[in-house]
Amino acid sequence: MLEAKHSALIEEAARRGHANLAQLRLCFQVLSLSSAIDRDCATRLAPHGLSEGRFIVLFLLHGAGGTLSPHELAERAGVTRATISGLLDGLQHESLLQRKHDAEDGRRLQIVLTARGRRLAEDLFNQHTQWIGGLFNGLDTTEQAQLAQLLMKVWQHTDRGREATP
């Protein structure tokens, strides 16, 4: 299940007599799984002309009732304003959303899903969540809970996890 680059790194670590080969293998298994999921996601979204970023914008707008400001979208998506502008340009070009001036403050923009954007967001959200749920069909509920707990333990040893832990 390892990607070639990860196998090469493990082989080099073994050649050098690295003591933590088992931990390296586990990390690379997680990274390889993540990459496989990302590629599958891209493959599923591509026929709709969407990247994961564009899908997330549609999903966020749909979940907010179809309207958010660019600032709110960037914040909720965890991206910069420049990135959100590029995503919005592409989605507007595909007639999936519109930029409208705020009724109360004409200087502010609101991003609004079009009817086509709402339908696509709803259809893809349902398909996407079913696909993601299916990734874990081989695990019973106890195993899923164990996996979640184990991943949290590993996350706590990342820089970000240490920053988030009081």
N, C-alpha and C. Protein backbone atom coordinates (compact mmCIF):
# COMPACT_ATOMS: atom_id res chain seq x y z
N MET A 1 0.81 -1.19 0.00
CA MET A 1 0.00 0.00 0.00
C MET A 1 0.85 1.26 0.00
N LEU A 2 2.15 1.11 0.12
CA LEU A 2 3.01 2.28 0.14
C LEU A 2 3.26 2.81 -1.26
N GLU A 3 3.34 4.14 -1.37
CA GLU A 3 3.74 4.75 -2.63
C GLU A 3 5.23 4.49 -2.84
N ALA A 4 5.65 4.53 -4.08
CA ALA A 4 7.05 4.22 -4.41
C ALA A 4 8.03 5.11 -3.65
N LYS A 5 7.72 6.40 -3.53
CA LYS A 5 8.63 7.30 -2.83
C LYS A 5 8.80 6.92 -1.37
N HIS A 6 7.71 6.43 -0.75
CA HIS A 6 7.78 6.04 0.65
C HIS A 6 8.55 4.74 0.81
N SER A 7 8.34 3.81 -0.11
CA SER A 7 9.11 2.56 -0.08
C SER A 7 10.60 2.85 -0.21
N ALA A 8 10.95 3.77 -1.09
CA ALA A 8 12.35 4.13 -1.29
C ALA A 8 12.95 4.71 -0.01
N LEU A 9 12.19 5.55 0.68
CA LEU A 9 12.68 6.14 1.93
C LEU A 9 12.86 5.07 3.00
N ILE A 10 11.94 4.13 3.09
CA ILE A 10 12.07 3.05 4.07
C ILE A 10 13.28 2.18 3.73
N GLU A 11 13.46 1.87 2.46
CA GLU A 11 14.63 1.08 2.05
C GLU A 11 15.93 1.78 2.43
N GLU A 12 15.98 3.09 2.21
CA GLU A 12 17.18 3.85 2.56
C GLU A 12 17.38 3.87 4.07
N ALA A 13 16.30 4.04 4.82
CA ALA A 13 16.40 4.04 6.29
C ALA A 13 16.88 2.67 6.78
N ALA A 14 16.39 1.60 6.16
CA ALA A 14 16.83 0.25 6.54
C ALA A 14 18.31 0.08 6.21
N ARG A 15 18.72 0.56 5.05
CA ARG A 15 20.12 0.45 4.64
C ARG A 15 21.03 1.17 5.64
N ARG A 16 20.54 2.27 6.18
CA ARG A 16 21.33 3.05 7.14
C ARG A 16 21.19 2.53 8.57
N GLY A 17 20.36 1.50 8.76
CA GLY A 17 20.19 0.91 10.09
C GLY A 17 19.34 1.74 11.02
N HIS A 18 18.42 2.50 10.46
CA HIS A 18 17.53 3.35 11.27
C HIS A 18 16.72 2.49 12.24
N ALA A 19 16.61 2.93 13.46
CA ALA A 19 15.96 2.13 14.51
C ALA A 19 14.44 2.19 14.46
N ASN A 20 13.87 3.21 13.86
CA ASN A 20 12.41 3.41 13.91
C ASN A 20 11.72 3.04 12.60
N LEU A 21 12.10 1.95 11.99
CA LEU A 21 11.50 1.55 10.70
C LEU A 21 10.00 1.31 10.82
N ALA A 22 9.56 0.71 11.90
CA ALA A 22 8.12 0.42 12.07
C ALA A 22 7.32 1.72 12.12
N GLN A 23 7.83 2.72 12.83
CA GLN A 23 7.13 4.00 12.92
C GLN A 23 7.15 4.73 11.58
N LEU A 24 8.28 4.66 10.88
CA LEU A 24 8.35 5.26 9.54
C LEU A 24 7.33 4.62 8.62
N ARG A 25 7.25 3.29 8.65
CA ARG A 25 6.30 2.57 7.81
C ARG A 25 4.86 3.00 8.12
N LEU A 26 4.52 3.12 9.41
CA LEU A 26 3.17 3.55 9.79
C LEU A 26 2.87 4.95 9.25
N CYS A 27 3.81 5.86 9.41
CA CYS A 27 3.61 7.23 8.91
C CYS A 27 3.40 7.21 7.41
N PHE A 28 4.23 6.46 6.70
CA PHE A 28 4.12 6.42 5.24
C PHE A 28 2.85 5.70 4.79
N GLN A 29 2.36 4.76 5.59
CA GLN A 29 1.08 4.13 5.26
C GLN A 29 -0.05 5.15 5.36
N VAL A 30 -0.03 5.97 6.41
CA VAL A 30 -1.05 7.01 6.57
C VAL A 30 -0.97 8.01 5.41
N LEU A 31 0.25 8.44 5.07
CA LEU A 31 0.43 9.38 3.97
C LEU A 31 -0.02 8.78 2.64
N SER A 32 0.30 7.52 2.41
CA SER A 32 -0.11 6.86 1.17
C SER A 32 -1.63 6.73 1.09
N LEU A 33 -2.25 6.39 2.22
CA LEU A 33 -3.71 6.30 2.25
C LEU A 33 -4.33 7.66 1.97
N SER A 34 -3.80 8.69 2.59
CA SER A 34 -4.30 10.05 2.37
C SER A 34 -4.18 10.44 0.90
N SER A 35 -3.05 10.14 0.29
CA SER A 35 -2.84 10.45 -1.13
C SER A 35 -3.83 9.69 -2.01
N ALA A 36 -4.07 8.43 -1.67
CA ALA A 36 -5.02 7.62 -2.45
C ALA A 36 -6.43 8.20 -2.35
N ILE A 37 -6.81 8.62 -1.15
CA ILE A 37 -8.14 9.21 -0.96
C ILE A 37 -8.23 10.52 -1.74
N ASP A 38 -7.20 11.35 -1.68
CA ASP A 38 -7.18 12.61 -2.43
C ASP A 38 -7.32 12.37 -3.93
N ARG A 39 -6.59 11.38 -4.45
CA ARG A 39 -6.67 11.08 -5.89
C ARG A 39 -8.06 10.58 -6.25
N ASP A 40 -8.63 9.70 -5.43
CA ASP A 40 -9.99 9.21 -5.69
C ASP A 40 -11.00 10.36 -5.67
N CYS A 41 -10.82 11.26 -4.72
CA CYS A 41 -11.70 12.43 -4.61
C CYS A 41 -11.61 13.27 -5.88
N ALA A 42 -10.39 13.54 -6.33
CA ALA A 42 -10.20 14.34 -7.55
C ALA A 42 -10.84 13.66 -8.75
N THR A 43 -10.70 12.35 -8.83
CA THR A 43 -11.28 11.59 -9.94
C THR A 43 -12.80 11.68 -9.92
N ARG A 44 -13.40 11.64 -8.75
CA ARG A 44 -14.86 11.71 -8.62
C ARG A 44 -15.41 13.11 -8.92
N LEU A 45 -14.64 14.14 -8.62
CA LEU A 45 -15.10 15.51 -8.83
C LEU A 45 -14.81 16.04 -10.23
N ALA A 46 -13.79 15.50 -10.88
CA ALA A 46 -13.35 16.00 -12.19
C ALA A 46 -14.46 16.00 -13.25
N PRO A 47 -15.30 14.97 -13.35
CA PRO A 47 -16.35 15.01 -14.38
C PRO A 47 -17.33 16.18 -14.22
N HIS A 48 -17.36 16.76 -13.03
CA HIS A 48 -18.24 17.90 -12.76
C HIS A 48 -17.49 19.23 -12.90
N GLY A 49 -16.23 19.15 -13.34
CA GLY A 49 -15.42 20.36 -13.48
C GLY A 49 -15.00 20.96 -12.16
N LEU A 50 -14.92 20.13 -11.14
CA LEU A 50 -14.62 20.63 -9.80
C LEU A 50 -13.32 20.06 -9.25
N SER A 51 -12.63 20.89 -8.52
CA SER A 51 -11.52 20.46 -7.67
C SER A 51 -12.10 20.31 -6.27
N GLU A 52 -11.29 19.80 -5.35
CA GLU A 52 -11.76 19.70 -3.97
C GLU A 52 -12.06 21.09 -3.42
N GLY A 53 -11.22 22.08 -3.75
CA GLY A 53 -11.43 23.45 -3.29
C GLY A 53 -12.75 24.03 -3.77
N ARG A 54 -13.06 23.82 -5.05
CA ARG A 54 -14.32 24.31 -5.59
C ARG A 54 -15.51 23.60 -4.95
N PHE A 55 -15.37 22.29 -4.74
CA PHE A 55 -16.44 21.53 -4.09
C PHE A 55 -16.69 22.06 -2.69
N ILE A 56 -15.62 22.36 -1.96
CA ILE A 56 -15.78 22.85 -0.60
C ILE A 56 -16.51 24.19 -0.59
N VAL A 57 -16.20 25.06 -1.55
CA VAL A 57 -16.90 26.35 -1.63
C VAL A 57 -18.39 26.11 -1.86
N LEU A 58 -18.73 25.23 -2.80
CA LEU A 58 -20.15 24.92 -3.05
C LEU A 58 -20.81 24.37 -1.80
N PHE A 59 -20.13 23.44 -1.14
CA PHE A 59 -20.65 22.81 0.07
C PHE A 59 -20.88 23.84 1.17
N LEU A 60 -19.90 24.74 1.38
CA LEU A 60 -20.04 25.76 2.41
C LEU A 60 -21.18 26.72 2.11
N LEU A 61 -21.28 27.14 0.86
CA LEU A 61 -22.38 28.03 0.48
C LEU A 61 -23.72 27.34 0.67
N HIS A 62 -23.81 26.10 0.24
CA HIS A 62 -25.07 25.36 0.36
C HIS A 62 -25.45 25.21 1.83
N GLY A 63 -24.48 24.89 2.67
CA GLY A 63 -24.74 24.72 4.10
C GLY A 63 -25.13 26.01 4.80
N ALA A 64 -24.72 27.14 4.23
CA ALA A 64 -25.05 28.45 4.82
C ALA A 64 -26.32 29.03 4.22
N GLY A 65 -27.08 28.22 3.52
CA GLY A 65 -28.31 28.71 2.92
C GLY A 65 -28.10 29.37 1.58
N GLY A 66 -26.92 29.22 1.00
CA GLY A 66 -26.67 29.71 -0.34
C GLY A 66 -25.99 31.06 -0.45
N THR A 67 -25.69 31.71 0.69
CA THR A 67 -25.09 33.04 0.64
C THR A 67 -24.06 33.23 1.75
N LEU A 68 -22.87 33.70 1.37
CA LEU A 68 -21.83 34.07 2.32
C LEU A 68 -20.98 35.16 1.69
N SER A 69 -20.25 35.88 2.51
CA SER A 69 -19.30 36.87 1.98
C SER A 69 -18.01 36.14 1.60
N PRO A 70 -17.21 36.73 0.72
CA PRO A 70 -15.93 36.11 0.37
C PRO A 70 -15.03 35.89 1.60
N HIS A 71 -15.06 36.86 2.52
CA HIS A 71 -14.26 36.74 3.75
C HIS A 71 -14.69 35.53 4.57
N GLU A 72 -16.01 35.37 4.74
CA GLU A 72 -16.52 34.22 5.51
C GLU A 72 -16.17 32.90 4.83
N LEU A 73 -16.27 32.86 3.51
CA LEU A 73 -15.92 31.65 2.78
C LEU A 73 -14.45 31.30 2.96
N ALA A 74 -13.58 32.29 2.84
CA ALA A 74 -12.14 32.04 3.00
C ALA A 74 -11.85 31.51 4.40
N GLU A 75 -12.48 32.13 5.39
CA GLU A 75 -12.26 31.72 6.78
C GLU A 75 -12.75 30.29 7.02
N ARG A 76 -13.95 29.98 6.57
CA ARG A 76 -14.51 28.64 6.78
C ARG A 76 -13.77 27.56 6.00
N ALA A 77 -13.25 27.93 4.84
CA ALA A 77 -12.52 26.96 4.02
C ALA A 77 -11.06 26.84 4.46
N GLY A 78 -10.60 27.78 5.28
CA GLY A 78 -9.22 27.75 5.75
C GLY A 78 -8.22 28.10 4.66
N VAL A 79 -8.61 29.04 3.79
CA VAL A 79 -7.72 29.47 2.70
C VAL A 79 -7.60 30.99 2.72
N THR A 80 -6.66 31.49 1.94
CA THR A 80 -6.46 32.93 1.86
C THR A 80 -7.55 33.57 1.01
N ARG A 81 -7.65 34.90 1.11
CA ARG A 81 -8.62 35.62 0.27
C ARG A 81 -8.25 35.51 -1.20
N ALA A 82 -6.96 35.47 -1.50
CA ALA A 82 -6.53 35.32 -2.89
C ALA A 82 -6.97 33.97 -3.45
N THR A 83 -6.83 32.93 -2.64
CA THR A 83 -7.24 31.59 -3.07
C THR A 83 -8.75 31.55 -3.28
N ILE A 84 -9.50 32.13 -2.36
CA ILE A 84 -10.96 32.09 -2.49
C ILE A 84 -11.39 32.88 -3.72
N SER A 85 -10.70 33.97 -4.02
CA SER A 85 -11.05 34.74 -5.22
C SER A 85 -10.90 33.90 -6.48
N GLY A 86 -9.82 33.13 -6.57
CA GLY A 86 -9.62 32.26 -7.72
C GLY A 86 -10.67 31.18 -7.82
N LEU A 87 -11.03 30.59 -6.69
CA LEU A 87 -12.08 29.56 -6.68
C LEU A 87 -13.42 30.15 -7.11
N LEU A 88 -13.73 31.34 -6.59
CA LEU A 88 -14.99 32.00 -6.94
C LEU A 88 -15.03 32.37 -8.42
N ASP A 89 -13.92 32.83 -8.97
CA ASP A 89 -13.86 33.17 -10.40
C ASP A 89 -14.24 31.96 -11.24
N GLY A 90 -13.64 30.81 -10.92
CA GLY A 90 -13.92 29.60 -11.69
C GLY A 90 -15.36 29.15 -11.56
N LEU A 91 -15.90 29.19 -10.35
CA LEU A 91 -17.29 28.77 -10.13
C LEU A 91 -18.28 29.74 -10.76
N GLN A 92 -17.94 31.03 -10.76
CA GLN A 92 -18.81 32.00 -11.42
C GLN A 92 -18.77 31.78 -12.93
N HIS A 93 -17.60 31.51 -13.47
CA HIS A 93 -17.46 31.24 -14.90
C HIS A 93 -18.32 30.03 -15.32
N GLU A 94 -18.48 29.07 -14.41
CA GLU A 94 -19.29 27.87 -14.68
C GLU A 94 -20.77 28.10 -14.35
N SER A 95 -21.14 29.32 -14.00
CA SER A 95 -22.52 29.70 -13.65
C SER A 95 -23.05 28.93 -12.44
N LEU A 96 -22.16 28.64 -11.49
CA LEU A 96 -22.58 27.94 -10.28
C LEU A 96 -22.81 28.90 -9.12
N LEU A 97 -22.30 30.13 -9.25
CA LEU A 97 -22.54 31.14 -8.24
C LEU A 97 -22.49 32.52 -8.89
N GLN A 98 -22.96 33.50 -8.11
CA GLN A 98 -22.93 34.89 -8.55
C GLN A 98 -22.36 35.74 -7.42
N ARG A 99 -21.73 36.84 -7.79
CA ARG A 99 -21.31 37.83 -6.82
C ARG A 99 -22.36 38.93 -6.86
N LYS A 100 -22.89 39.27 -5.69
CA LYS A 100 -23.89 40.33 -5.61
C LYS A 100 -23.49 41.31 -4.52
N HIS A 101 -23.83 42.57 -4.74
CA HIS A 101 -23.56 43.57 -3.73
C HIS A 101 -24.58 43.42 -2.60
N ASP A 102 -24.11 43.57 -1.38
CA ASP A 102 -24.94 43.46 -0.19
C ASP A 102 -26.03 44.53 -0.24
N ALA A 103 -27.25 44.15 0.08
CA ALA A 103 -28.38 45.09 0.04
C ALA A 103 -28.22 46.23 1.06
N GLU A 104 -27.62 45.94 2.22
CA GLU A 104 -27.46 46.96 3.26
C GLU A 104 -26.22 47.81 3.06
N ASP A 105 -25.16 47.20 2.54
CA ASP A 105 -23.90 47.92 2.33
C ASP A 105 -23.38 47.56 0.95
N GLY A 106 -23.62 48.42 -0.02
CA GLY A 106 -23.27 48.16 -1.40
C GLY A 106 -21.79 47.94 -1.65
N ARG A 107 -20.94 48.28 -0.67
CA ARG A 107 -19.50 48.05 -0.83
C ARG A 107 -19.13 46.59 -0.57
N ARG A 108 -19.98 45.88 0.16
CA ARG A 108 -19.69 44.48 0.49
C ARG A 108 -20.31 43.55 -0.54
N LEU A 109 -19.58 42.46 -0.79
CA LEU A 109 -20.07 41.45 -1.72
C LEU A 109 -20.66 40.27 -0.97
N GLN A 110 -21.65 39.67 -1.58
CA GLN A 110 -22.20 38.41 -1.10
C GLN A 110 -22.06 37.41 -2.24
N ILE A 111 -21.68 36.20 -1.91
CA ILE A 111 -21.57 35.13 -2.89
C ILE A 111 -22.84 34.30 -2.77
N VAL A 112 -23.52 34.13 -3.89
CA VAL A 112 -24.83 33.46 -3.90
C VAL A 112 -24.80 32.29 -4.88
N LEU A 113 -25.23 31.13 -4.42
CA LEU A 113 -25.34 29.98 -5.32
C LEU A 113 -26.46 30.21 -6.33
N THR A 114 -26.22 29.81 -7.55
CA THR A 114 -27.29 29.81 -8.55
C THR A 114 -28.10 28.53 -8.34
N ALA A 115 -29.23 28.42 -9.02
CA ALA A 115 -30.03 27.20 -8.92
C ALA A 115 -29.20 26.00 -9.35
N ARG A 116 -28.42 26.17 -10.41
CA ARG A 116 -27.55 25.08 -10.89
C ARG A 116 -26.52 24.72 -9.82
N GLY A 117 -25.96 25.71 -9.17
CA GLY A 117 -24.98 25.48 -8.11
C GLY A 117 -25.59 24.76 -6.93
N ARG A 118 -26.83 25.13 -6.56
CA ARG A 118 -27.52 24.45 -5.44
C ARG A 118 -27.75 22.98 -5.76
N ARG A 119 -28.22 22.70 -6.98
CA ARG A 119 -28.48 21.30 -7.37
C ARG A 119 -27.19 20.49 -7.34
N LEU A 120 -26.14 21.05 -7.92
CA LEU A 120 -24.86 20.34 -7.96
C LEU A 120 -24.32 20.11 -6.56
N ALA A 121 -24.38 21.12 -5.71
CA ALA A 121 -23.88 20.99 -4.33
C ALA A 121 -24.64 19.89 -3.60
N GLU A 122 -25.95 19.87 -3.74
CA GLU A 122 -26.77 18.86 -3.06
C GLU A 122 -26.46 17.46 -3.57
N ASP A 123 -26.42 17.29 -4.89
CA ASP A 123 -26.14 15.98 -5.47
C ASP A 123 -24.76 15.48 -5.08
N LEU A 124 -23.77 16.34 -5.23
CA LEU A 124 -22.40 15.92 -4.94
C LEU A 124 -22.16 15.69 -3.46
N PHE A 125 -22.79 16.49 -2.62
CA PHE A 125 -22.63 16.28 -1.18
C PHE A 125 -23.12 14.89 -0.81
N ASN A 126 -24.28 14.52 -1.30
CA ASN A 126 -24.82 13.19 -0.99
C ASN A 126 -23.91 12.09 -1.53
N GLN A 127 -23.48 12.22 -2.78
CA GLN A 127 -22.58 11.22 -3.37
C GLN A 127 -21.26 11.14 -2.60
N HIS A 128 -20.72 12.29 -2.29
CA HIS A 128 -19.41 12.36 -1.66
C HIS A 128 -19.43 11.77 -0.25
N THR A 129 -20.45 12.10 0.52
CA THR A 129 -20.51 11.57 1.88
C THR A 129 -20.76 10.06 1.88
N GLN A 130 -21.52 9.56 0.92
CA GLN A 130 -21.70 8.11 0.82
C GLN A 130 -20.38 7.43 0.47
N TRP A 131 -19.63 8.00 -0.47
CA TRP A 131 -18.34 7.44 -0.86
C TRP A 131 -17.38 7.43 0.32
N ILE A 132 -17.29 8.57 1.03
CA ILE A 132 -16.38 8.65 2.17
C ILE A 132 -16.78 7.64 3.24
N GLY A 133 -18.06 7.55 3.54
CA GLY A 133 -18.53 6.57 4.52
C GLY A 133 -18.17 5.15 4.10
N GLY A 134 -18.24 4.88 2.81
CA GLY A 134 -17.93 3.56 2.29
C GLY A 134 -16.47 3.16 2.47
N LEU A 135 -15.58 4.14 2.61
CA LEU A 135 -14.17 3.83 2.82
C LEU A 135 -13.97 3.03 4.11
N PHE A 136 -14.88 3.18 5.04
CA PHE A 136 -14.74 2.55 6.35
C PHE A 136 -15.69 1.38 6.55
N ASN A 137 -16.30 0.91 5.46
CA ASN A 137 -17.22 -0.22 5.55
C ASN A 137 -16.57 -1.49 6.08
N GLY A 138 -15.26 -1.63 5.89
CA GLY A 138 -14.56 -2.81 6.37
C GLY A 138 -14.28 -2.81 7.86
N LEU A 139 -14.62 -1.71 8.53
CA LEU A 139 -14.40 -1.60 9.97
C LEU A 139 -15.73 -1.59 10.69
N ASP A 140 -15.84 -2.37 11.77
CA ASP A 140 -17.06 -2.29 12.57
C ASP A 140 -16.98 -1.04 13.44
N THR A 141 -18.04 -0.75 14.16
CA THR A 141 -18.09 0.50 14.93
C THR A 141 -17.01 0.58 16.00
N THR A 142 -16.66 -0.54 16.61
CA THR A 142 -15.60 -0.55 17.61
C THR A 142 -14.26 -0.23 16.95
N GLU A 143 -13.99 -0.82 15.80
CA GLU A 143 -12.74 -0.55 15.08
C GLU A 143 -12.67 0.90 14.62
N GLN A 144 -13.79 1.45 14.19
CA GLN A 144 -13.81 2.85 13.78
C GLN A 144 -13.47 3.75 14.96
N ALA A 145 -14.03 3.46 16.12
CA ALA A 145 -13.75 4.25 17.31
C ALA A 145 -12.28 4.11 17.71
N GLN A 146 -11.74 2.90 17.61
CA GLN A 146 -10.32 2.68 17.93
C GLN A 146 -9.43 3.46 16.97
N LEU A 147 -9.76 3.41 15.68
CA LEU A 147 -8.97 4.14 14.69
C LEU A 147 -9.01 5.63 14.98
N ALA A 148 -10.19 6.17 15.28
CA ALA A 148 -10.31 7.59 15.60
C ALA A 148 -9.46 7.95 16.80
N GLN A 149 -9.47 7.10 17.81
CA GLN A 149 -8.68 7.35 19.02
C GLN A 149 -7.19 7.28 18.73
N LEU A 150 -6.76 6.31 17.94
CA LEU A 150 -5.35 6.18 17.59
C LEU A 150 -4.87 7.35 16.75
N LEU A 151 -5.68 7.77 15.78
CA LEU A 151 -5.30 8.91 14.95
C LEU A 151 -5.18 10.18 15.80
N MET A 152 -6.06 10.34 16.78
CA MET A 152 -5.99 11.50 17.67
C MET A 152 -4.70 11.47 18.48
N LYS A 153 -4.30 10.29 18.95
CA LYS A 153 -3.05 10.18 19.70
C LYS A 153 -1.86 10.60 18.84
N VAL A 154 -1.84 10.17 17.59
CA VAL A 154 -0.75 10.54 16.70
C VAL A 154 -0.80 12.04 16.42
N TRP A 155 -2.01 12.57 16.15
CA TRP A 155 -2.17 13.99 15.86
C TRP A 155 -1.61 14.85 17.00
N GLN A 156 -1.78 14.41 18.23
CA GLN A 156 -1.30 15.18 19.39
C GLN A 156 0.22 15.32 19.41
N HIS A 157 0.92 14.51 18.62
CA HIS A 157 2.37 14.60 18.55
C HIS A 157 2.85 15.41 17.34
N THR A 158 1.91 15.95 16.58
CA THR A 158 2.29 16.86 15.49
C THR A 158 2.46 18.25 16.08
N ASP A 159 3.13 19.12 15.35
CA ASP A 159 3.27 20.51 15.82
C ASP A 159 1.92 21.14 16.07
N ARG A 160 1.01 20.96 15.13
CA ARG A 160 -0.31 21.56 15.25
C ARG A 160 -1.09 20.98 16.43
N GLY A 161 -0.94 19.68 16.62
CA GLY A 161 -1.62 19.03 17.74
C GLY A 161 -1.11 19.53 19.08
N ARG A 162 0.20 19.73 19.17
CA ARG A 162 0.77 20.26 20.42
C ARG A 162 0.31 21.69 20.66
N GLU A 163 0.19 22.48 19.59
CA GLU A 163 -0.28 23.87 19.72
C GLU A 163 -1.73 23.91 20.22
N ALA A 164 -2.53 22.95 19.78
CA ALA A 164 -3.96 22.94 20.12
C ALA A 164 -4.23 22.37 21.49
N THR A 165 -3.29 21.59 22.04
CA THR A 165 -3.50 20.96 23.34
C THR A 165 -3.11 21.93 24.44
N PRO A 166 -4.05 22.18 25.38
CA PRO A 166 -3.76 23.14 26.47
C PRO A 166 -2.68 22.63 27.40
